[in-house]
Amino acid sequence: MSSEGSSYGDIHRYEPPRESTAAALAIVLLTVVEIIFVGLFTYGLIGGWGLSEVGNMFLGGILAVIFIDLAFILLLYRKEFLPDVMIVKKRRRKWEDLYIREDQVDGESFTDESPWEGVKRALYPYYKR
């Protein structure tokens, strides 16, 4: 579904989410696996597994698996349960917004006016626009 509006903030394209049952079941199963690994990590942390070299590497591996599993949960949720919306945004021009006139591209000299005004204009090009 797309709209014909081209003014700032109009929704250009809206595709509703698929909301598949398989994705919901996968998210639930990944969440159960996540809870198991978090429990194992907590048990290992309290049990002092991190005091030995091998235990410390094992805890690091469990922590990596926790974050990878969380990434898959968030990926499935974003892909299957959030709508795809494209909004018309204001286009930012490269050079017209930076300088008032073309001769100001190289900056301004400090000697034409008071030193403080020259510093303000050199540091902040949008001054008195």
C-alpha atoms as a PDB file:
ATOM      1  CA  MET A   1       0.000   0.000   0.000  1.00  0.00           C
ATOM      2  CA  SER A   2       1.474   3.336  -0.990  1.00  0.00           C
ATOM      3  CA  SER A   3       0.194   6.883  -0.928  1.00  0.00           C
ATOM      4  CA  GLU A   4       0.523   9.707  -3.403  1.00  0.00           C
ATOM      5  CA  GLY A   5       1.526  12.328  -0.825  1.00  0.00           C
ATOM      6  CA  SER A   6       4.977  13.787  -1.222  1.00  0.00           C
ATOM      7  CA  SER A   7       5.026  16.353   1.567  1.00  0.00           C
ATOM      8  CA  TYR A   8       7.254  15.960   4.602  1.00  0.00           C
ATOM      9  CA  GLY A   9       6.020  13.292   7.014  1.00  0.00           C
ATOM     10  CA  ASP A  10       3.601  11.491   4.668  1.00  0.00           C
ATOM     11  CA  ILE A  11       3.708   7.707   4.657  1.00  0.00           C
ATOM     12  CA  HIS A  12       5.029   6.678   1.260  1.00  0.00           C
ATOM     13  CA  ARG A  13       4.803   2.898   1.682  1.00  0.00           C
ATOM     14  CA  TYR A  14       3.199   0.719   4.364  1.00  0.00           C
ATOM     15  CA  GLU A  15       3.431  -3.064   4.337  1.00  0.00           C
ATOM     16  CA  PRO A  16       1.736  -4.845   7.247  1.00  0.00           C
ATOM     17  CA  PRO A  17       3.695  -7.521   9.145  1.00  0.00           C
ATOM     18  CA  ARG A  18       3.274 -11.203   8.268  1.00  0.00           C
ATOM     19  CA  GLU A  19       2.737 -12.356  11.879  1.00  0.00           C
ATOM     20  CA  SER A  20       3.424 -16.018  11.142  1.00  0.00           C
ATOM     21  CA  THR A  21       2.799 -18.697  13.743  1.00  0.00           C
ATOM     22  CA  ALA A  22       6.120 -20.405  12.986  1.00  0.00           C
ATOM     23  CA  ALA A  23       8.005 -17.215  13.834  1.00  0.00           C
ATOM     24  CA  ALA A  24       6.074 -16.862  17.092  1.00  0.00           C
ATOM     25  CA  LEU A  25       6.925 -20.449  18.068  1.00  0.00           C
ATOM     26  CA  ALA A  26      10.573 -19.905  17.128  1.00  0.00           C
ATOM     27  CA  ILE A  27      10.680 -16.786  19.307  1.00  0.00           C
ATOM     28  CA  VAL A  28       9.171 -18.705  22.226  1.00  0.00           C
ATOM     29  CA  LEU A  29      11.681 -21.561  21.834  1.00  0.00           C
ATOM     30  CA  LEU A  30      14.611 -19.159  21.514  1.00  0.00           C
ATOM     31  CA  THR A  31      13.388 -17.362  24.635  1.00  0.00           C
ATOM     32  CA  VAL A  32      13.346 -20.662  26.568  1.00  0.00           C
ATOM     33  CA  VAL A  33      16.897 -21.389  25.359  1.00  0.00           C
ATOM     34  CA  GLU A  34      17.872 -17.846  26.385  1.00  0.00           C
ATOM     35  CA  ILE A  35      16.510 -18.370  29.905  1.00  0.00           C
ATOM     36  CA  ILE A  36      18.397 -21.681  30.207  1.00  0.00           C
ATOM     37  CA  PHE A  37      21.695 -20.091  29.166  1.00  0.00           C
ATOM     38  CA  VAL A  38      21.175 -17.105  31.467  1.00  0.00           C
ATOM     39  CA  GLY A  39      20.526 -19.509  34.344  1.00  0.00           C
ATOM     40  CA  LEU A  40      23.648 -21.509  33.470  1.00  0.00           C
ATOM     41  CA  PHE A  41      25.724 -18.319  33.274  1.00  0.00           C
ATOM     42  CA  THR A  42      24.377 -17.121  36.633  1.00  0.00           C
ATOM     43  CA  TYR A  43      25.047 -20.514  38.237  1.00  0.00           C
ATOM     44  CA  GLY A  44      28.594 -20.511  36.873  1.00  0.00           C
ATOM     45  CA  LEU A  45      29.204 -16.968  38.048  1.00  0.00           C
ATOM     46  CA  ILE A  46      27.973 -17.725  41.566  1.00  0.00           C
ATOM     47  CA  GLY A  47      29.734 -21.107  41.600  1.00  0.00           C
ATOM     48  CA  GLY A  48      33.114 -19.512  40.906  1.00  0.00           C
ATOM     49  CA  TRP A  49      33.741 -20.969  37.450  1.00  0.00           C
ATOM     50  CA  GLY A  50      35.433 -17.733  36.431  1.00  0.00           C
ATOM     51  CA  LEU A  51      38.342 -18.284  38.831  1.00  0.00           C
ATOM     52  CA  SER A  52      40.028 -20.838  36.555  1.00  0.00           C
ATOM     53  CA  GLU A  53      41.188 -20.249  32.976  1.00  0.00           C
ATOM     54  CA  VAL A  54      38.950 -22.878  31.398  1.00  0.00           C
ATOM     55  CA  GLY A  55      35.930 -21.813  33.449  1.00  0.00           C
ATOM     56  CA  ASN A  56      36.460 -18.185  32.515  1.00  0.00           C
ATOM     57  CA  MET A  57      36.527 -19.089  28.815  1.00  0.00           C
ATOM     58  CA  PHE A  58      33.425 -21.236  29.305  1.00  0.00           C
ATOM     59  CA  LEU A  59      31.556 -18.319  30.913  1.00  0.00           C
ATOM     60  CA  GLY A  60      32.651 -16.064  28.043  1.00  0.00           C
ATOM     61  CA  GLY A  61      31.325 -18.591  25.526  1.00  0.00           C
ATOM     62  CA  ILE A  62      28.005 -18.839  27.360  1.00  0.00           C
ATOM     63  CA  LEU A  63      27.747 -15.042  27.378  1.00  0.00           C
ATOM     64  CA  ALA A  64      28.429 -14.944  23.630  1.00  0.00           C
ATOM     65  CA  VAL A  65      25.703 -17.547  23.029  1.00  0.00           C
ATOM     66  CA  ILE A  66      23.281 -15.475  25.147  1.00  0.00           C
ATOM     67  CA  PHE A  67      23.827 -12.366  23.005  1.00  0.00           C
ATOM     68  CA  ILE A  68      23.682 -14.283  19.708  1.00  0.00           C
ATOM     69  CA  ASP A  69      20.406 -15.908  20.788  1.00  0.00           C
ATOM     70  CA  LEU A  70      19.020 -12.502  21.769  1.00  0.00           C
ATOM     71  CA  ALA A  71      20.050 -11.153  18.361  1.00  0.00           C
ATOM     72  CA  PHE A  72      18.081 -13.917  16.616  1.00  0.00           C
ATOM     73  CA  ILE A  73      15.031 -13.226  18.795  1.00  0.00           C
ATOM     74  CA  LEU A  74      15.121  -9.522  17.935  1.00  0.00           C
ATOM     75  CA  LEU A  75      15.743 -10.267  14.251  1.00  0.00           C
ATOM     76  CA  LEU A  76      12.715 -12.553  14.018  1.00  0.00           C
ATOM     77  CA  TYR A  77      10.542 -10.084  15.919  1.00  0.00           C
ATOM     78  CA  ARG A  78      11.546  -7.156  13.695  1.00  0.00           C
ATOM     79  CA  LYS A  79      11.105  -9.105  10.469  1.00  0.00           C
ATOM     80  CA  GLU A  80       7.801 -10.831  11.272  1.00  0.00           C
ATOM     81  CA  PHE A  81       5.930  -8.554  13.688  1.00  0.00           C
ATOM     82  CA  LEU A  82       6.843  -4.939  12.836  1.00  0.00           C
ATOM     83  CA  PRO A  83       5.355  -3.172   9.792  1.00  0.00           C
ATOM     84  CA  ASP A  84       7.585  -1.895   6.994  1.00  0.00           C
ATOM     85  CA  VAL A  85       6.934   1.855   6.788  1.00  0.00           C
ATOM     86  CA  MET A  86       8.689   4.356   4.515  1.00  0.00           C
ATOM     87  CA  ILE A  87       8.151   8.010   5.412  1.00  0.00           C
ATOM     88  CA  VAL A  88       8.860  10.954   3.105  1.00  0.00           C
ATOM     89  CA  LYS A  89      11.786  12.889   4.573  1.00  0.00           C
ATOM     90  CA  LYS A  90      13.175  16.307   3.812  1.00  0.00           C
ATOM     91  CA  ARG A  91      16.181  16.130   1.514  1.00  0.00           C
ATOM     92  CA  ARG A  92      19.276  17.793   2.878  1.00  0.00           C
ATOM     93  CA  ARG A  93      21.323  19.607   0.275  1.00  0.00           C
ATOM     94  CA  LYS A  94      25.079  19.370   0.464  1.00  0.00           C
ATOM     95  CA  TRP A  95      26.446  22.881   0.016  1.00  0.00           C
ATOM     96  CA  GLU A  96      23.515  25.276   0.011  1.00  0.00           C
ATOM     97  CA  ASP A  97      22.886  24.874   3.734  1.00  0.00           C
ATOM     98  CA  LEU A  98      26.516  25.396   4.711  1.00  0.00           C
ATOM     99  CA  TYR A  99      27.250  28.819   3.262  1.00  0.00           C
ATOM    100  CA  ILE A 100      25.121  31.878   2.614  1.00  0.00           C
ATOM    101  CA  ARG A 101      27.019  32.933  -0.503  1.00  0.00           C
ATOM    102  CA  GLU A 102      29.460  31.237  -2.835  1.00  0.00           C
ATOM    103  CA  ASP A 103      32.312  33.572  -1.884  1.00  0.00           C
ATOM    104  CA  GLN A 104      32.137  32.394   1.754  1.00  0.00           C
ATOM    105  CA  VAL A 105      33.397  28.895   0.924  1.00  0.00           C
ATOM    106  CA  ASP A 106      36.945  29.697   2.062  1.00  0.00           C
ATOM    107  CA  GLY A 107      35.790  31.333   5.309  1.00  0.00           C
ATOM    108  CA  GLU A 108      36.180  34.930   6.447  1.00  0.00           C
ATOM    109  CA  SER A 109      39.201  36.874   7.595  1.00  0.00           C
ATOM    110  CA  PHE A 110      39.704  37.945  11.196  1.00  0.00           C
ATOM    111  CA  THR A 111      40.895  41.450  10.351  1.00  0.00           C
ATOM    112  CA  ASP A 112      37.713  42.957   8.847  1.00  0.00           C
ATOM    113  CA  GLU A 113      35.784  43.231  12.107  1.00  0.00           C
ATOM    114  CA  SER A 114      36.287  42.758  15.814  1.00  0.00           C
ATOM    115  CA  PRO A 115      38.291  39.633  16.618  1.00  0.00           C
ATOM    116  CA  TRP A 116      35.493  38.016  18.622  1.00  0.00           C
ATOM    117  CA  GLU A 117      32.947  38.338  15.782  1.00  0.00           C
ATOM    118  CA  GLY A 118      35.441  36.842  13.335  1.00  0.00           C
ATOM    119  CA  VAL A 119      36.027  33.861  15.604  1.00  0.00           C
ATOM    120  CA  LYS A 120      32.287  33.316  16.006  1.00  0.00           C
ATOM    121  CA  ARG A 121      31.753  33.400  12.237  1.00  0.00           C
ATOM    122  CA  ALA A 122      34.684  31.063  11.568  1.00  0.00           C
ATOM    123  CA  LEU A 123      33.515  28.496  14.112  1.00  0.00           C
ATOM    124  CA  TYR A 124      29.796  28.729  13.417  1.00  0.00           C
ATOM    125  CA  PRO A 125      29.011  29.250   9.699  1.00  0.00           C
ATOM    126  CA  TYR A 126      25.241  29.542  10.274  1.00  0.00           C
ATOM    127  CA  TYR A 127      25.718  32.715  12.285  1.00  0.00           C
ATOM    128  CA  LYS A 128      23.103  35.433  11.445  1.00  0.00           C
ATOM    129  CA  ARG A 129      21.486  33.479   8.686  1.00  0.00           C
END
